[in-house]
Amino acid sequence: MQGRNQSLLTEVERGALDDDVPLAATLRKCVALGGQAKSAELRTWARQELNGYENGNDLPEWRIVGAVLKIDGQTVGGSIVGQQIGSMFLPEFARDVIKEECPLPMGVVALESMLSGDDEFVHLGPPGASDLVGLMNHQNSNHFEHIERLYWSVSKASIRGVLDRIRTTLVTLVAELRAGMPDDEDMPNAELASQAVNVAVHGKGHTVTVATAQSGAYGNSDATQPVEKSESRRWKRWAKVGGFVVGVATIIATVITLAEFFNKPADLPRRTNIPPSVVVTSSHNP
């Protein structure tokens, strides 16, 4: 069982590092890894990247890319194809929904299929675009102008960037799992898997936790501290020791000064904080 578990984690790692291995195959193994690790977070993320984000729920910000809003249609002079428009061209109620940015909630297989062909742009329809086009044509007083299609024009470079981000997230995820697992363990537990997902996917908890053999689990030992907290505590300890040493030195210096002050001969002026030019001494008549 342990050899199989180790092999599964290794296969996810190899698939993430090899650009020739389809992302879908690696994500399926990641779902299986999440099942063996009993991590709902890991399974959910891998499934969403594999099958797509339903209704755009929990869509990561990096899956929203810049796009150009365009229309196709007919005018008196002929057909228009790929005419760029701004969001202000749309009815007011639609401007906050359809912007010059396009969400990409589909799964990795659909994203990869968009990269076929020679054209460097793909056309994607906004939600409810056909109904919106019908309303715009109805409100248009010029019956010789007719909009046929409203769509986003998205660069394939942006889609490649999204796929690369998914692959990089997989690599980061495996790296976090490796960093948190003791050398004698070959399968992450649910807590470590959740921590890795938070770091790699959600960008939370950027401190590095080092697993120790004494902990018996990942990141739960008292000896296991985030790097930032460990450095902070070490600095506070040295600050306290340094303050103590400085305080003792100050006391010793004060004692020596007082001893010098009271042991001076009576006919010599005693040391004060008054500048030398205004030192006052007492005089006695013979």
Protein backbone atom coordinates (compact mmCIF):
# COMPACT_ATOMS: atom_id res chain seq x y z
CA MET A 1 0.00 0.00 0.00
CA GLN A 2 2.77 2.46 0.89
CA GLY A 3 4.59 1.81 -2.38
CA ARG A 4 1.39 2.44 -4.32
CA ASN A 5 0.75 5.68 -2.39
CA GLN A 6 4.27 6.91 -3.01
CA SER A 7 3.96 6.05 -6.70
CA LEU A 8 0.71 8.04 -6.98
CA LEU A 9 2.26 11.18 -5.50
CA THR A 10 5.30 10.72 -7.73
CA GLU A 11 3.10 10.31 -10.82
CA VAL A 12 1.29 13.56 -10.02
CA GLU A 13 4.64 15.28 -9.65
CA ARG A 14 6.01 13.87 -12.92
CA GLY A 15 2.85 14.73 -14.82
CA ALA A 16 2.90 18.31 -13.52
CA LEU A 17 6.55 18.76 -14.52
CA ASP A 18 6.21 17.24 -18.00
CA ASP A 19 4.52 19.53 -20.52
CA ASP A 20 3.85 16.55 -22.79
CA VAL A 21 1.60 14.88 -20.19
CA PRO A 22 -2.02 16.09 -20.55
CA LEU A 23 -3.21 18.14 -17.60
CA ALA A 24 -6.45 16.16 -17.44
CA ALA A 25 -4.57 12.91 -16.75
CA THR A 26 -2.53 14.53 -13.97
CA LEU A 27 -5.60 16.11 -12.38
CA ARG A 28 -7.39 12.75 -12.31
CA LYS A 29 -4.47 11.32 -10.35
CA CYS A 30 -4.65 14.36 -8.07
CA VAL A 31 -8.32 13.57 -7.36
CA ALA A 32 -7.30 10.02 -6.43
CA LEU A 33 -4.49 11.37 -4.25
CA GLY A 34 -6.99 13.59 -2.44
CA GLY A 35 -9.15 10.54 -1.81
CA GLN A 36 -6.30 8.54 -0.30
CA ALA A 37 -5.22 11.54 1.78
CA LYS A 38 -8.88 12.04 2.85
CA SER A 39 -8.67 15.70 1.81
CA ALA A 40 -11.93 17.22 0.58
CA GLU A 41 -10.12 20.45 -0.37
CA LEU A 42 -7.66 18.67 -2.64
CA ARG A 43 -10.36 16.59 -4.34
CA THR A 44 -12.62 19.63 -4.85
CA TRP A 45 -9.90 21.78 -6.42
CA ALA A 46 -8.66 19.05 -8.77
CA ARG A 47 -12.24 18.21 -9.82
CA GLN A 48 -13.06 21.84 -10.55
CA GLU A 49 -9.99 22.30 -12.72
CA LEU A 50 -10.77 19.02 -14.47
CA ASN A 51 -14.53 19.42 -15.02
CA GLY A 52 -14.93 23.19 -14.80
CA TYR A 53 -16.40 25.59 -12.26
CA GLU A 54 -20.17 25.21 -12.29
CA ASN A 55 -21.97 28.54 -12.76
CA GLY A 56 -18.63 30.29 -12.24
CA ASN A 57 -18.70 29.59 -8.49
CA ASP A 58 -15.35 29.93 -6.74
CA LEU A 59 -13.71 30.92 -10.02
CA PRO A 60 -10.08 32.00 -9.35
CA GLU A 61 -9.20 35.54 -10.39
CA TRP A 62 -6.53 34.32 -12.80
CA ARG A 63 -9.24 32.51 -14.79
CA ILE A 64 -10.67 35.90 -15.75
CA VAL A 65 -8.70 37.28 -18.71
CA GLY A 66 -8.79 40.45 -20.75
CA ALA A 67 -10.96 40.31 -23.87
CA VAL A 68 -12.29 42.51 -26.66
CA LEU A 69 -16.05 42.86 -26.99
CA LYS A 70 -17.18 42.52 -30.63
CA ILE A 71 -20.32 42.22 -32.76
CA ASP A 72 -21.25 40.79 -36.16
CA GLY A 73 -24.23 42.16 -38.03
CA GLN A 74 -25.83 43.66 -41.14
CA THR A 75 -26.13 47.25 -42.32
CA VAL A 76 -27.32 48.91 -45.48
CA GLY A 77 -23.78 48.85 -46.79
CA GLY A 78 -23.31 45.10 -46.17
CA SER A 79 -22.07 42.80 -43.47
CA ILE A 80 -19.94 43.78 -40.52
CA VAL A 81 -17.70 41.18 -38.90
CA GLY A 82 -15.67 41.62 -35.74
CA GLN A 83 -16.56 45.24 -35.08
CA GLN A 84 -15.11 46.22 -31.70
CA ILE A 85 -17.44 47.96 -29.26
CA GLY A 86 -17.14 49.20 -25.70
CA SER A 87 -19.29 48.13 -22.79
CA MET A 88 -21.02 51.54 -22.92
CA PHE A 89 -22.60 50.36 -26.19
CA LEU A 90 -24.62 47.83 -24.22
CA PRO A 91 -27.86 48.54 -22.32
CA GLU A 92 -27.11 50.04 -18.91
CA PHE A 93 -28.30 47.01 -16.93
CA ALA A 94 -25.78 44.75 -18.75
CA ARG A 95 -22.67 46.91 -18.35
CA ASP A 96 -21.77 45.57 -14.91
CA VAL A 97 -22.09 41.97 -16.11
CA ILE A 98 -20.54 42.01 -19.57
CA LYS A 99 -17.22 43.81 -19.45
CA GLU A 100 -14.02 43.75 -21.46
CA GLU A 101 -12.88 40.69 -19.56
CA CYS A 102 -13.86 37.09 -20.05
CA PRO A 103 -14.27 34.39 -17.38
CA LEU A 104 -12.94 30.95 -18.31
CA PRO A 105 -14.84 28.48 -16.07
CA MET A 106 -14.55 25.45 -18.39
CA GLY A 107 -12.43 22.38 -17.67
CA VAL A 108 -8.87 21.90 -18.89
CA VAL A 109 -9.87 19.68 -21.83
CA ALA A 110 -12.15 22.40 -23.19
CA LEU A 111 -9.44 25.01 -22.68
CA GLU A 112 -6.85 22.89 -24.49
CA SER A 113 -9.24 22.31 -27.41
CA MET A 114 -9.48 26.07 -27.95
CA LEU A 115 -5.80 26.18 -28.88
CA SER A 116 -6.28 24.23 -32.11
CA GLY A 117 -6.30 26.06 -35.44
CA ASP A 118 -4.20 28.86 -36.85
CA ASP A 119 -6.22 31.82 -35.59
CA GLU A 120 -4.70 33.46 -32.52
CA PHE A 121 -8.10 34.41 -31.11
CA VAL A 122 -11.18 32.47 -30.01
CA HIS A 123 -14.73 33.78 -29.82
CA LEU A 124 -16.77 33.15 -26.68
CA GLY A 125 -20.33 34.29 -26.06
CA PRO A 126 -21.26 36.09 -22.84
CA PRO A 127 -24.08 34.54 -20.77
CA GLY A 128 -27.47 35.53 -22.14
CA ALA A 129 -25.89 37.07 -25.24
CA SER A 130 -28.65 35.97 -27.64
CA ASP A 131 -31.40 37.53 -25.50
CA LEU A 132 -29.35 40.69 -25.13
CA VAL A 133 -28.86 40.92 -28.89
CA GLY A 134 -32.61 40.54 -29.43
CA LEU A 135 -33.30 43.38 -26.98
CA MET A 136 -30.69 45.63 -28.60
CA ASN A 137 -32.22 45.05 -32.05
CA HIS A 138 -35.68 45.77 -30.67
CA GLN A 139 -34.52 49.07 -29.16
CA ASN A 140 -32.68 50.13 -32.32
CA SER A 141 -34.77 52.63 -34.26
CA ASN A 142 -32.77 52.04 -37.44
CA HIS A 143 -34.36 48.94 -38.95
CA PHE A 144 -31.63 48.72 -41.57
CA GLU A 145 -29.09 47.80 -38.91
CA HIS A 146 -29.24 44.37 -37.35
CA ILE A 147 -26.86 42.77 -34.85
CA GLU A 148 -26.41 39.05 -35.35
CA ARG A 149 -23.88 38.14 -32.72
CA LEU A 150 -22.22 39.55 -29.60
CA TYR A 151 -19.04 37.87 -28.33
CA TRP A 152 -15.71 38.14 -26.60
CA SER A 153 -12.53 37.84 -28.64
CA VAL A 154 -9.93 36.16 -26.41
CA SER A 155 -6.26 35.73 -27.25
CA LYS A 156 -5.01 32.14 -27.24
CA ALA A 157 -1.97 33.42 -25.36
CA SER A 158 -4.28 34.19 -22.43
CA ILE A 159 -5.68 30.66 -22.54
CA ARG A 160 -2.17 29.20 -22.61
CA GLY A 161 -1.42 31.35 -19.58
CA VAL A 162 -4.37 29.86 -17.66
CA LEU A 163 -3.26 26.31 -18.50
CA ASP A 164 0.29 27.11 -17.46
CA ARG A 165 -1.01 28.52 -14.18
CA ILE A 166 -2.86 25.26 -13.47
CA ARG A 167 0.28 23.23 -14.15
CA THR A 168 2.38 25.51 -11.95
CA THR A 169 -0.20 25.21 -9.18
CA LEU A 170 0.11 21.43 -9.39
CA VAL A 171 3.90 21.67 -9.06
CA THR A 172 3.58 24.03 -6.09
CA LEU A 173 1.02 21.74 -4.49
CA VAL A 174 3.31 18.71 -4.71
CA ALA A 175 6.25 20.78 -3.44
CA GLU A 176 4.25 21.84 -0.37
CA LEU A 177 3.28 18.22 0.29
CA ARG A 178 6.88 17.07 -0.04
CA ALA A 179 8.13 19.84 2.26
CA GLY A 180 5.63 18.96 4.97
CA MET A 181 6.06 15.17 4.90
CA PRO A 182 8.69 13.47 7.06
CA ASP A 183 11.21 11.40 5.14
CA ASP A 184 9.80 8.15 6.52
CA GLU A 185 6.24 8.93 5.34
CA ASP A 186 4.90 8.41 1.82
CA MET A 187 1.34 9.77 2.00
CA PRO A 188 0.17 13.21 3.20
CA ASN A 189 -2.57 13.36 5.81
CA ALA A 190 -5.72 15.46 5.45
CA GLU A 191 -4.35 18.38 7.47
CA LEU A 192 -1.19 18.68 5.41
CA ALA A 193 -3.13 18.36 2.15
CA SER A 194 -5.48 21.16 3.22
CA GLN A 195 -2.51 23.35 4.16
CA ALA A 196 -0.90 22.68 0.76
CA VAL A 197 -4.11 23.62 -1.07
CA ASN A 198 -4.34 26.87 0.90
CA VAL A 199 -0.78 27.80 -0.03
CA ALA A 200 -0.71 26.60 -3.66
CA VAL A 201 -4.27 27.36 -4.75
CA HIS A 202 -5.60 30.13 -2.48
CA GLY A 203 -2.32 31.91 -1.71
CA LYS A 204 -2.82 31.72 2.05
CA GLY A 205 -0.39 30.71 4.78
CA HIS A 206 2.88 31.49 3.04
CA THR A 207 5.06 30.30 5.91
CA VAL A 208 7.07 27.11 5.46
CA THR A 209 6.37 24.37 7.98
CA VAL A 210 9.05 21.74 8.43
CA ALA A 211 7.87 18.34 9.62
CA THR A 212 9.92 16.61 12.31
CA ALA A 213 10.16 12.95 13.19
CA GLN A 214 9.09 13.72 16.78
CA SER A 215 5.80 15.27 15.74
CA GLY A 216 4.05 12.09 14.61
CA ALA A 217 2.02 14.30 12.25
CA TYR A 218 2.66 17.11 9.87
CA GLY A 219 3.03 20.53 11.39
CA ASN A 220 1.55 19.65 14.80
CA SER A 221 4.70 19.30 16.88
CA ASP A 222 5.65 22.02 19.35
CA ALA A 223 9.10 21.89 17.75
CA THR A 224 7.59 22.65 14.36
CA GLN A 225 7.23 26.39 13.96
CA PRO A 226 6.61 28.60 10.93
CA VAL A 227 9.86 30.28 9.94
CA GLU A 228 8.58 33.79 10.58
CA LYS A 229 7.32 33.03 14.10
CA SER A 230 10.48 31.11 14.97
CA GLU A 231 12.70 34.01 13.92
CA SER A 232 10.48 36.46 15.79
CA ARG A 233 10.62 34.48 19.01
CA ARG A 234 14.38 34.03 18.72
CA TRP A 235 14.80 37.80 18.29
CA LYS A 236 12.60 38.50 21.32
CA ARG A 237 14.69 36.14 23.46
CA TRP A 238 17.93 37.85 22.43
CA ALA A 239 16.33 41.25 22.96
CA LYS A 240 15.46 40.29 26.53
CA VAL A 241 18.98 38.94 27.21
CA GLY A 242 20.54 42.02 25.64
CA GLY A 243 18.35 44.33 27.71
CA PHE A 244 19.35 42.50 30.87
CA VAL A 245 23.08 42.77 30.05
CA VAL A 246 22.78 46.46 29.24
CA GLY A 247 20.87 47.05 32.48
CA VAL A 248 23.54 45.32 34.59
CA ALA A 249 26.31 47.26 32.84
CA THR A 250 24.48 50.52 33.52
CA ILE A 251 24.14 49.72 37.23
CA ILE A 252 27.83 48.83 37.53
CA ALA A 253 28.86 52.04 35.79
CA THR A 254 26.65 54.08 38.13
CA VAL A 255 28.15 52.44 41.24
CA ILE A 256 31.70 53.18 40.04
CA THR A 257 30.83 56.80 39.33
CA LEU A 258 29.29 57.30 42.77
CA ALA A 259 32.33 55.69 44.40
CA GLU A 260 34.64 58.10 42.61
CA PHE A 261 32.41 61.01 43.56
CA PHE A 262 32.41 60.35 47.31
CA ASN A 263 36.07 59.31 47.56
CA LYS A 264 37.55 62.51 46.07
CA PRO A 265 39.67 64.83 48.31
CA ALA A 266 37.72 67.67 49.90
CA ASP A 267 39.78 70.43 48.30
CA LEU A 268 38.99 69.31 44.75
CA PRO A 269 35.78 70.24 42.95
CA ARG A 270 33.41 67.33 42.66
CA ARG A 271 32.25 66.09 39.29
CA THR A 272 28.89 67.54 38.26
CA ASN A 273 26.88 67.93 35.10
CA ILE A 274 27.54 71.70 35.00
CA PRO A 275 29.90 72.77 32.19
CA PRO A 276 33.51 73.41 33.41
CA SER A 277 33.28 77.13 32.70
CA VAL A 278 30.51 77.60 35.28
CA VAL A 279 31.65 75.21 38.02
CA VAL A 280 31.08 76.91 41.41
CA THR A 281 33.48 76.18 44.30
CA SER A 282 33.24 77.41 47.88
CA SER A 283 36.03 79.53 49.41
CA HIS A 284 37.01 80.14 53.11
CA ASN A 285 38.57 83.22 54.65
CA PRO A 286 41.88 82.64 56.45
